[in-house]
Amino acid sequence: MERARLQSVENFEAIVAFEPREVRRVVALLEAQEIPFDLQADNSALSNPVRAVQLSMGIYPEGPKIVVFVPEADYAAALEAISVMFPVL
């Protein structure tokens, strides 16, 4: 899987944070549209102090996310393409 390497994230906008299982579909879509992107992991939910309690009670807590960044110039096109896949965005 090829993805764009970014020199700087200053001119990039985050589209949304996806669960890891959804990222493959999003990456394939962005590659098909030839929209450059970068991915960053957001594991902040794993440090939630009540996560262990939620797991022990059988409540599925929020997990890690993958944040997708696209160039500002391609933000509207990327958001439109992703909104077809995820209409509630």
PDB file of N, CA and C in Angstrom:
ATOM      1  N   MET A   1       0.850  -1.172   0.000  1.00  0.00           N
ATOM      2  CA  MET A   1       0.000   0.000   0.000  1.00  0.00           C
ATOM      3  C   MET A   1       0.897   1.237   0.000  1.00  0.00           C
ATOM      4  N   GLU A   2       0.674   2.088  -0.975  1.00  0.00           N
ATOM      5  CA  GLU A   2       1.472   3.289  -1.101  1.00  0.00           C
ATOM      6  C   GLU A   2       0.718   4.446  -0.478  1.00  0.00           C
ATOM      7  N   ARG A   3       1.465   5.332   0.167  1.00  0.00           N
ATOM      8  CA  ARG A   3       0.813   6.525   0.683  1.00  0.00           C
ATOM      9  C   ARG A   3       1.779   7.683   0.613  1.00  0.00           C
ATOM     10  N   ALA A   4       1.250   8.855   0.569  1.00  0.00           N
ATOM     11  CA  ALA A   4       2.078  10.039   0.412  1.00  0.00           C
ATOM     12  C   ALA A   4       2.867  10.304   1.688  1.00  0.00           C
ATOM     13  N   ARG A   5       4.120  10.613   1.535  1.00  0.00           N
ATOM     14  CA  ARG A   5       4.956  11.034   2.657  1.00  0.00           C
ATOM     15  C   ARG A   5       4.914  12.554   2.704  1.00  0.00           C
ATOM     16  N   LEU A   6       4.648  13.083   3.864  1.00  0.00           N
ATOM     17  CA  LEU A   6       4.494  14.521   3.996  1.00  0.00           C
ATOM     18  C   LEU A   6       5.709  15.120   4.683  1.00  0.00           C
ATOM     19  N   GLN A   7       6.153  16.245   4.178  1.00  0.00           N
ATOM     20  CA  GLN A   7       7.280  16.940   4.785  1.00  0.00           C
ATOM     21  C   GLN A   7       6.827  17.683   6.044  1.00  0.00           C
ATOM     22  N   SER A   8       5.621  18.189   6.034  1.00  0.00           N
ATOM     23  CA  SER A   8       5.123  18.981   7.149  1.00  0.00           C
ATOM     24  C   SER A   8       3.609  18.859   7.206  1.00  0.00           C
ATOM     25  N   VAL A   9       3.059  18.900   8.406  1.00  0.00           N
ATOM     26  CA  VAL A   9       1.609  18.827   8.542  1.00  0.00           C
ATOM     27  C   VAL A   9       0.996  20.211   8.724  1.00  0.00           C
ATOM     28  N   GLU A  10       1.802  21.257   8.528  1.00  0.00           N
ATOM     29  CA  GLU A  10       1.290  22.605   8.732  1.00  0.00           C
ATOM     30  C   GLU A  10       0.163  22.946   7.766  1.00  0.00           C
ATOM     31  N   ASN A  11       0.250  22.507   6.518  1.00  0.00           N
ATOM     32  CA  ASN A  11      -0.762  22.821   5.516  1.00  0.00           C
ATOM     33  C   ASN A  11      -1.739  21.676   5.316  1.00  0.00           C
ATOM     34  N   PHE A  12      -1.819  20.803   6.281  1.00  0.00           N
ATOM     35  CA  PHE A  12      -2.710  19.661   6.194  1.00  0.00           C
ATOM     36  C   PHE A  12      -3.802  19.785   7.242  1.00  0.00           C
ATOM     37  N   GLU A  13      -4.968  19.280   6.895  1.00  0.00           N
ATOM     38  CA  GLU A  13      -6.120  19.308   7.789  1.00  0.00           C
ATOM     39  C   GLU A  13      -6.524  17.887   8.134  1.00  0.00           C
ATOM     40  N   ALA A  14      -6.928  17.678   9.362  1.00  0.00           N
ATOM     41  CA  ALA A  14      -7.447  16.371   9.770  1.00  0.00           C
ATOM     42  C   ALA A  14      -8.877  16.249   9.272  1.00  0.00           C
ATOM     43  N   ILE A  15      -9.171  15.135   8.610  1.00  0.00           N
ATOM     44  CA  ILE A  15     -10.544  14.900   8.160  1.00  0.00           C
ATOM     45  C   ILE A  15     -11.361  14.424   9.348  1.00  0.00           C
ATOM     46  N   VAL A  16     -10.970  13.288   9.876  1.00  0.00           N
ATOM     47  CA  VAL A  16     -11.668  12.699  11.015  1.00  0.00           C
ATOM     48  C   VAL A  16     -10.810  11.551  11.522  1.00  0.00           C
ATOM     49  N   ALA A  17     -11.071  11.101  12.727  1.00  0.00           N
ATOM     50  CA  ALA A  17     -10.350   9.954  13.290  1.00  0.00           C
ATOM     51  C   ALA A  17     -11.195   8.699  13.069  1.00  0.00           C
ATOM     52  N   PHE A  18     -10.579   7.688  12.491  1.00  0.00           N
ATOM     53  CA  PHE A  18     -11.264   6.435  12.189  1.00  0.00           C
ATOM     54  C   PHE A  18     -10.759   5.322  13.089  1.00  0.00           C
ATOM     55  N   GLU A  19     -11.598   4.320  13.294  1.00  0.00           N
ATOM     56  CA  GLU A  19     -11.143   3.115  13.961  1.00  0.00           C
ATOM     57  C   GLU A  19     -10.209   2.388  13.004  1.00  0.00           C
ATOM     58  N   PRO A  20      -9.200   1.696  13.538  1.00  0.00           N
ATOM     59  CA  PRO A  20      -8.214   1.040  12.668  1.00  0.00           C
ATOM     60  C   PRO A  20      -8.823   0.132  11.601  1.00  0.00           C
ATOM     61  N   ARG A  21      -9.907  -0.548  11.900  1.00  0.00           N
ATOM     62  CA  ARG A  21     -10.485  -1.469  10.909  1.00  0.00           C
ATOM     63  C   ARG A  21     -11.087  -0.740   9.704  1.00  0.00           C
ATOM     64  N   GLU A  22     -11.399   0.546   9.850  1.00  0.00           N
ATOM     65  CA  GLU A  22     -11.999   1.314   8.763  1.00  0.00           C
ATOM     66  C   GLU A  22     -10.967   1.998   7.869  1.00  0.00           C
ATOM     67  N   VAL A  23      -9.737   2.086   8.343  1.00  0.00           N
ATOM     68  CA  VAL A  23      -8.730   2.881   7.644  1.00  0.00           C
ATOM     69  C   VAL A  23      -8.373   2.306   6.276  1.00  0.00           C
ATOM     70  N   ARG A  24      -8.346   0.998   6.128  1.00  0.00           N
ATOM     71  CA  ARG A  24      -8.003   0.408   4.825  1.00  0.00           C
ATOM     72  C   ARG A  24      -8.945   0.892   3.726  1.00  0.00           C
ATOM     73  N   ARG A  25     -10.224   0.944   4.031  1.00  0.00           N
ATOM     74  CA  ARG A  25     -11.195   1.415   3.037  1.00  0.00           C
ATOM     75  C   ARG A  25     -10.973   2.886   2.704  1.00  0.00           C
ATOM     76  N   VAL A  26     -10.685   3.681   3.724  1.00  0.00           N
ATOM     77  CA  VAL A  26     -10.461   5.112   3.518  1.00  0.00           C
ATOM     78  C   VAL A  26      -9.193   5.334   2.694  1.00  0.00           C
ATOM     79  N   VAL A  27      -8.127   4.603   3.018  1.00  0.00           N
ATOM     80  CA  VAL A  27      -6.870   4.727   2.274  1.00  0.00           C
ATOM     81  C   VAL A  27      -7.078   4.343   0.812  1.00  0.00           C
ATOM     82  N   ALA A  28      -7.776   3.249   0.568  1.00  0.00           N
ATOM     83  CA  ALA A  28      -8.041   2.823  -0.811  1.00  0.00           C
ATOM     84  C   ALA A  28      -8.830   3.895  -1.563  1.00  0.00           C
ATOM     85  N   LEU A  29      -9.793   4.504  -0.903  1.00  0.00           N
ATOM     86  CA  LEU A  29     -10.595   5.553  -1.526  1.00  0.00           C
ATOM     87  C   LEU A  29      -9.741   6.772  -1.870  1.00  0.00           C
ATOM     88  N   LEU A  30      -8.918   7.219  -0.923  1.00  0.00           N
ATOM     89  CA  LEU A  30      -8.071   8.385  -1.174  1.00  0.00           C
ATOM     90  C   LEU A  30      -7.043   8.102  -2.265  1.00  0.00           C
ATOM     91  N   GLU A  31      -6.492   6.897  -2.275  1.00  0.00           N
ATOM     92  CA  GLU A  31      -5.544   6.543  -3.336  1.00  0.00           C
ATOM     93  C   GLU A  31      -6.231   6.508  -4.695  1.00  0.00           C
ATOM     94  N   ALA A  32      -7.450   5.996  -4.756  1.00  0.00           N
ATOM     95  CA  ALA A  32      -8.194   5.958  -6.019  1.00  0.00           C
ATOM     96  C   ALA A  32      -8.494   7.368  -6.524  1.00  0.00           C
ATOM     97  N   GLN A  33      -8.724   8.296  -5.603  1.00  0.00           N
ATOM     98  CA  GLN A  33      -8.992   9.693  -5.973  1.00  0.00           C
ATOM     99  C   GLN A  33      -7.703  10.492  -6.175  1.00  0.00           C
ATOM    100  N   GLU A  34      -6.552   9.847  -5.942  1.00  0.00           N
ATOM    101  CA  GLU A  34      -5.233  10.480  -6.046  1.00  0.00           C
ATOM    102  C   GLU A  34      -5.111  11.693  -5.135  1.00  0.00           C
ATOM    103  N   ILE A  35      -5.634  11.564  -3.924  1.00  0.00           N
ATOM    104  CA  ILE A  35      -5.541  12.614  -2.916  1.00  0.00           C
ATOM    105  C   ILE A  35      -4.410  12.235  -1.965  1.00  0.00           C
ATOM    106  N   PRO A  36      -3.387  13.091  -1.822  1.00  0.00           N
ATOM    107  CA  PRO A  36      -2.305  12.779  -0.889  1.00  0.00           C
ATOM    108  C   PRO A  36      -2.821  12.810   0.547  1.00  0.00           C
ATOM    109  N   PHE A  37      -2.235  12.009   1.399  1.00  0.00           N
ATOM    110  CA  PHE A  37      -2.702  11.925   2.778  1.00  0.00           C
ATOM    111  C   PHE A  37      -1.576  11.476   3.684  1.00  0.00           C
ATOM    112  N   ASP A  38      -1.801  11.613   4.967  1.00  0.00           N
ATOM    113  CA  ASP A  38      -0.901  11.090   5.983  1.00  0.00           C
ATOM    114  C   ASP A  38      -1.765  10.522   7.093  1.00  0.00           C
ATOM    115  N   LEU A  39      -1.235   9.542   7.778  1.00  0.00           N
ATOM    116  CA  LEU A  39      -1.949   8.895   8.875  1.00  0.00           C
ATOM    117  C   LEU A  39      -1.161   9.075  10.160  1.00  0.00           C
ATOM    118  N   GLN A  40      -1.873   9.335  11.252  1.00  0.00           N
ATOM    119  CA  GLN A  40      -1.243   9.413  12.567  1.00  0.00           C
ATOM    120  C   GLN A  40      -2.113   8.666  13.562  1.00  0.00           C
ATOM    121  N   ALA A  41      -1.463   7.906  14.422  1.00  0.00           N
ATOM    122  CA  ALA A  41      -2.189   7.151  15.446  1.00  0.00           C
ATOM    123  C   ALA A  41      -2.537   8.066  16.613  1.00  0.00           C
ATOM    124  N   ASP A  42      -3.723   7.896  17.134  1.00  0.00           N
ATOM    125  CA  ASP A  42      -4.173   8.608  18.330  1.00  0.00           C
ATOM    126  C   ASP A  42      -4.550   7.559  19.366  1.00  0.00           C
ATOM    127  N   ASN A  43      -3.650   7.321  20.301  1.00  0.00           N
ATOM    128  CA  ASN A  43      -3.875   6.318  21.340  1.00  0.00           C
ATOM    129  C   ASN A  43      -4.289   6.940  22.664  1.00  0.00           C
ATOM    130  N   SER A  44      -4.745   8.180  22.646  1.00  0.00           N
ATOM    131  CA  SER A  44      -5.078   8.876  23.885  1.00  0.00           C
ATOM    132  C   SER A  44      -6.211   8.197  24.658  1.00  0.00           C
ATOM    133  N   ALA A  45      -7.114   7.528  23.963  1.00  0.00           N
ATOM    134  CA  ALA A  45      -8.229   6.861  24.651  1.00  0.00           C
ATOM    135  C   ALA A  45      -7.752   5.688  25.501  1.00  0.00           C
ATOM    136  N   LEU A  46      -6.586   5.145  25.177  1.00  0.00           N
ATOM    137  CA  LEU A  46      -6.076   4.006  25.937  1.00  0.00           C
ATOM    138  C   LEU A  46      -5.610   4.403  27.330  1.00  0.00           C
ATOM    139  N   SER A  47      -5.338   5.687  27.536  1.00  0.00           N
ATOM    140  CA  SER A  47      -4.878   6.138  28.848  1.00  0.00           C
ATOM    141  C   SER A  47      -6.024   6.590  29.751  1.00  0.00           C
ATOM    142  N   ASN A  48      -7.250   6.383  29.326  1.00  0.00           N
ATOM    143  CA  ASN A  48      -8.415   6.731  30.135  1.00  0.00           C
ATOM    144  C   ASN A  48      -8.386   5.901  31.419  1.00  0.00           C
ATOM    145  N   PRO A  49      -8.428   6.533  32.591  1.00  0.00           N
ATOM    146  CA  PRO A  49      -8.314   5.787  33.846  1.00  0.00           C
ATOM    147  C   PRO A  49      -9.463   4.811  34.115  1.00  0.00           C
ATOM    148  N   VAL A  50     -10.613   5.010  33.507  1.00  0.00           N
ATOM    149  CA  VAL A  50     -11.739   4.097  33.749  1.00  0.00           C
ATOM    150  C   VAL A  50     -11.854   3.014  32.683  1.00  0.00           C
ATOM    151  N   ARG A  51     -10.892   2.959  31.761  1.00  0.00           N
ATOM    152  CA  ARG A  51     -10.930   1.965  30.686  1.00  0.00           C
ATOM    153  C   ARG A  51     -10.949   0.540  31.228  1.00  0.00           C
ATOM    154  N   ALA A  52     -10.124   0.244  32.225  1.00  0.00           N
ATOM    155  CA  ALA A  52     -10.075  -1.110  32.797  1.00  0.00           C
ATOM    156  C   ALA A  52     -11.411  -1.477  33.431  1.00  0.00           C
ATOM    157  N   VAL A  53     -12.054  -0.519  34.077  1.00  0.00           N
ATOM    158  CA  VAL A  53     -13.360  -0.773  34.693  1.00  0.00           C
ATOM    159  C   VAL A  53     -14.399  -1.054  33.613  1.00  0.00           C
ATOM    160  N   GLN A  54     -14.380  -0.278  32.551  1.00  0.00           N
ATOM    161  CA  GLN A  54     -15.324  -0.490  31.454  1.00  0.00           C
ATOM    162  C   GLN A  54     -15.140  -1.869  30.833  1.00  0.00           C
ATOM    163  N   LEU A  55     -13.902  -2.274  30.633  1.00  0.00           N
ATOM    164  CA  LEU A  55     -13.637  -3.599  30.069  1.00  0.00           C
ATOM    165  C   LEU A  55     -14.131  -4.703  30.993  1.00  0.00           C
ATOM    166  N   SER A  56     -13.905  -4.540  32.298  1.00  0.00           N
ATOM    167  CA  SER A  56     -14.326  -5.579  33.243  1.00  0.00           C
ATOM    168  C   SER A  56     -15.845  -5.656  33.368  1.00  0.00           C
ATOM    169  N   MET A  57     -16.542  -4.560  33.076  1.00  0.00           N
ATOM    170  CA  MET A  57     -18.003  -4.555  33.150  1.00  0.00           C
ATOM    171  C   MET A  57     -18.640  -4.980  31.827  1.00  0.00           C
ATOM    172  N   GLY A  58     -17.824  -5.267  30.831  1.00  0.00           N
ATOM    173  CA  GLY A  58     -18.360  -5.676  29.538  1.00  0.00           C
ATOM    174  C   GLY A  58     -18.796  -4.520  28.666  1.00  0.00           C
ATOM    175  N   ILE A  59     -18.383  -3.323  29.023  1.00  0.00           N
ATOM    176  CA  ILE A  59     -18.692  -2.140  28.218  1.00  0.00           C
ATOM    177  C   ILE A  59     -17.513  -1.919  27.286  1.00  0.00           C
ATOM    178  N   TYR A  60     -17.779  -1.820  26.007  1.00  0.00           N
ATOM    179  CA  TYR A  60     -16.694  -1.620  25.053  1.00  0.00           C
ATOM    180  C   TYR A  60     -16.262  -0.157  25.082  1.00  0.00           C
ATOM    181  N   PRO A  61     -15.095   0.127  25.654  1.00  0.00           N
ATOM    182  CA  PRO A  61     -14.642   1.519  25.721  1.00  0.00           C
ATOM    183  C   PRO A  61     -14.062   1.980  24.389  1.00  0.00           C
ATOM    184  N   GLU A  62     -13.891   3.268  24.292  1.00  0.00           N
ATOM    185  CA  GLU A  62     -13.277   3.834  23.090  1.00  0.00           C
ATOM    186  C   GLU A  62     -11.848   3.325  22.970  1.00  0.00           C
ATOM    187  N   GLY A  63     -11.438   2.999  21.766  1.00  0.00           N
ATOM    188  CA  GLY A  63     -10.100   2.466  21.533  1.00  0.00           C
ATOM    189  C   GLY A  63      -9.242   3.431  20.743  1.00  0.00           C
ATOM    190  N   PRO A  64      -8.124   2.940  20.241  1.00  0.00           N
ATOM    191  CA  PRO A  64      -7.241   3.799  19.454  1.00  0.00           C
ATOM    192  C   PRO A  64      -7.906   4.206  18.142  1.00  0.00           C
ATOM    193  N   LYS A  65      -7.498   5.340  17.645  1.00  0.00           N
ATOM    194  CA  LYS A  65      -8.019   5.867  16.382  1.00  0.00           C
ATOM    195  C   LYS A  65      -6.845   6.181  15.459  1.00  0.00           C
ATOM    196  N   ILE A  66      -7.129   6.241  14.182  1.00  0.00           N
ATOM    197  CA  ILE A  66      -6.152   6.670  13.182  1.00  0.00           C
ATOM    198  C   ILE A  66      -6.704   7.957  12.573  1.00  0.00           C
ATOM    199  N   VAL A  67      -5.936   9.026  12.685  1.00  0.00           N
ATOM    200  CA  VAL A  67      -6.355  10.320  12.155  1.00  0.00           C
ATOM    201  C   VAL A  67      -5.804  10.462  10.743  1.00  0.00           C
ATOM    202  N   VAL A  68      -6.678  10.833   9.810  1.00  0.00           N
ATOM    203  CA  VAL A  68      -6.295  11.008   8.408  1.00  0.00           C
ATOM    204  C   VAL A  68      -6.155  12.503   8.135  1.00  0.00           C
ATOM    205  N   PHE A  69      -4.985  12.883   7.627  1.00  0.00           N
ATOM    206  CA  PHE A  69      -4.705  14.264   7.256  1.00  0.00           C
ATOM    207  C   PHE A  69      -4.599  14.370   5.744  1.00  0.00           C
ATOM    208  N   VAL A  70      -5.174  15.427   5.184  1.00  0.00           N
ATOM    209  CA  VAL A  70      -5.067  15.704   3.745  1.00  0.00           C
ATOM    210  C   VAL A  70      -4.657  17.167   3.570  1.00  0.00           C
ATOM    211  N   PRO A  71      -4.077  17.516   2.416  1.00  0.00           N
ATOM    212  CA  PRO A  71      -3.723  18.921   2.169  1.00  0.00           C
ATOM    213  C   PRO A  71      -4.972  19.808   2.193  1.00  0.00           C
ATOM    214  N   GLU A  72      -4.773  21.040   2.628  1.00  0.00           N
ATOM    215  CA  GLU A  72      -5.896  21.982   2.676  1.00  0.00           C
ATOM    216  C   GLU A  72      -6.581  22.099   1.321  1.00  0.00           C
ATOM    217  N   ALA A  73      -5.802  22.090   0.254  1.00  0.00           N
ATOM    218  CA  ALA A  73      -6.362  22.238  -1.096  1.00  0.00           C
ATOM    219  C   ALA A  73      -7.252  21.058  -1.483  1.00  0.00           C
ATOM    220  N   ASP A  74      -6.996  19.886  -0.922  1.00  0.00           N
ATOM    221  CA  ASP A  74      -7.766  18.684  -1.248  1.00  0.00           C
ATOM    222  C   ASP A  74      -8.805  18.335  -0.186  1.00  0.00           C
ATOM    223  N   TYR A  75      -8.938  19.180   0.828  1.00  0.00           N
ATOM    224  CA  TYR A  75      -9.825  18.863   1.954  1.00  0.00           C
ATOM    225  C   TYR A  75     -11.271  18.658   1.504  1.00  0.00           C
ATOM    226  N   ALA A  76     -11.795  19.563   0.709  1.00  0.00           N
ATOM    227  CA  ALA A  76     -13.199  19.463   0.280  1.00  0.00           C
ATOM    228  C   ALA A  76     -13.436  18.208  -0.548  1.00  0.00           C
ATOM    229  N   ALA A  77     -12.526  17.904  -1.466  1.00  0.00           N
ATOM    230  CA  ALA A  77     -12.673  16.707  -2.303  1.00  0.00           C
ATOM    231  C   ALA A  77     -12.580  15.440  -1.463  1.00  0.00           C
ATOM    232  N   ALA A  78     -11.663  15.426  -0.500  1.00  0.00           N
ATOM    233  CA  ALA A  78     -11.508  14.254   0.360  1.00  0.00           C
ATOM    234  C   ALA A  78     -12.737  14.070   1.244  1.00  0.00           C
ATOM    235  N   LEU A  79     -13.238  15.155   1.794  1.00  0.00           N
ATOM    236  CA  LEU A  79     -14.425  15.073   2.647  1.00  0.00           C
ATOM    237  C   LEU A  79     -15.635  14.594   1.857  1.00  0.00           C
ATOM    238  N   GLU A  80     -15.777  15.073   0.634  1.00  0.00           N
ATOM    239  CA  GLU A  80     -16.886  14.638  -0.220  1.00  0.00           C
ATOM    240  C   GLU A  80     -16.773  13.148  -0.546  1.00  0.00           C
ATOM    241  N   ALA A  81     -15.568  12.696  -0.874  1.00  0.00           N
ATOM    242  CA  ALA A  81     -15.363  11.279  -1.198  1.00  0.00           C
ATOM    243  C   ALA A  81     -15.638  10.392   0.009  1.00  0.00           C
ATOM    244  N   ILE A  82     -15.178  10.820   1.169  1.00  0.00           N
ATOM    245  CA  ILE A  82     -15.373  10.011   2.377  1.00  0.00           C
ATOM    246  C   ILE A  82     -16.826  10.049   2.828  1.00  0.00           C
ATOM    247  N   SER A  83     -17.517  11.157   2.592  1.00  0.00           N
ATOM    248  CA  SER A  83     -18.920  11.242   3.013  1.00  0.00           C
ATOM    249  C   SER A  83     -19.810  10.285   2.229  1.00  0.00           C
ATOM    250  N   VAL A  84     -19.365   9.853   1.045  1.00  0.00           N
ATOM    251  CA  VAL A  84     -20.114   8.833   0.303  1.00  0.00           C
ATOM    252  C   VAL A  84     -20.004   7.493   1.029  1.00  0.00           C
ATOM    253  N   MET A  85     -18.810   7.219   1.561  1.00  0.00           N
ATOM    254  CA  MET A  85     -18.575   5.967   2.277  1.00  0.00           C
ATOM    255  C   MET A  85     -19.190   5.988   3.676  1.00  0.00           C
ATOM    256  N   PHE A  86     -19.107   7.147   4.332  1.00  0.00           N
ATOM    257  CA  PHE A  86     -19.640   7.329   5.679  1.00  0.00           C
ATOM    258  C   PHE A  86     -20.598   8.519   5.646  1.00  0.00           C
ATOM    259  N   PRO A  87     -21.861   8.329   5.283  1.00  0.00           N
ATOM    260  CA  PRO A  87     -22.789   9.445   5.070  1.00  0.00           C
ATOM    261  C   PRO A  87     -23.077  10.303   6.294  1.00  0.00           C
ATOM    262  N   VAL A  88     -22.764   9.855   7.488  1.00  0.00           N
ATOM    263  CA  VAL A  88     -23.106  10.625   8.679  1.00  0.00           C
ATOM    264  C   VAL A  88     -22.038  11.631   9.061  1.00  0.00           C
ATOM    265  N   LEU A  89     -20.947  11.730   8.310  1.00  0.00           N
ATOM    266  CA  LEU A  89     -19.888  12.691   8.646  1.00  0.00           C
ATOM    267  C   LEU A  89     -20.331  14.099   8.378  1.00  0.00           C
TER     268      LEU A  89
END
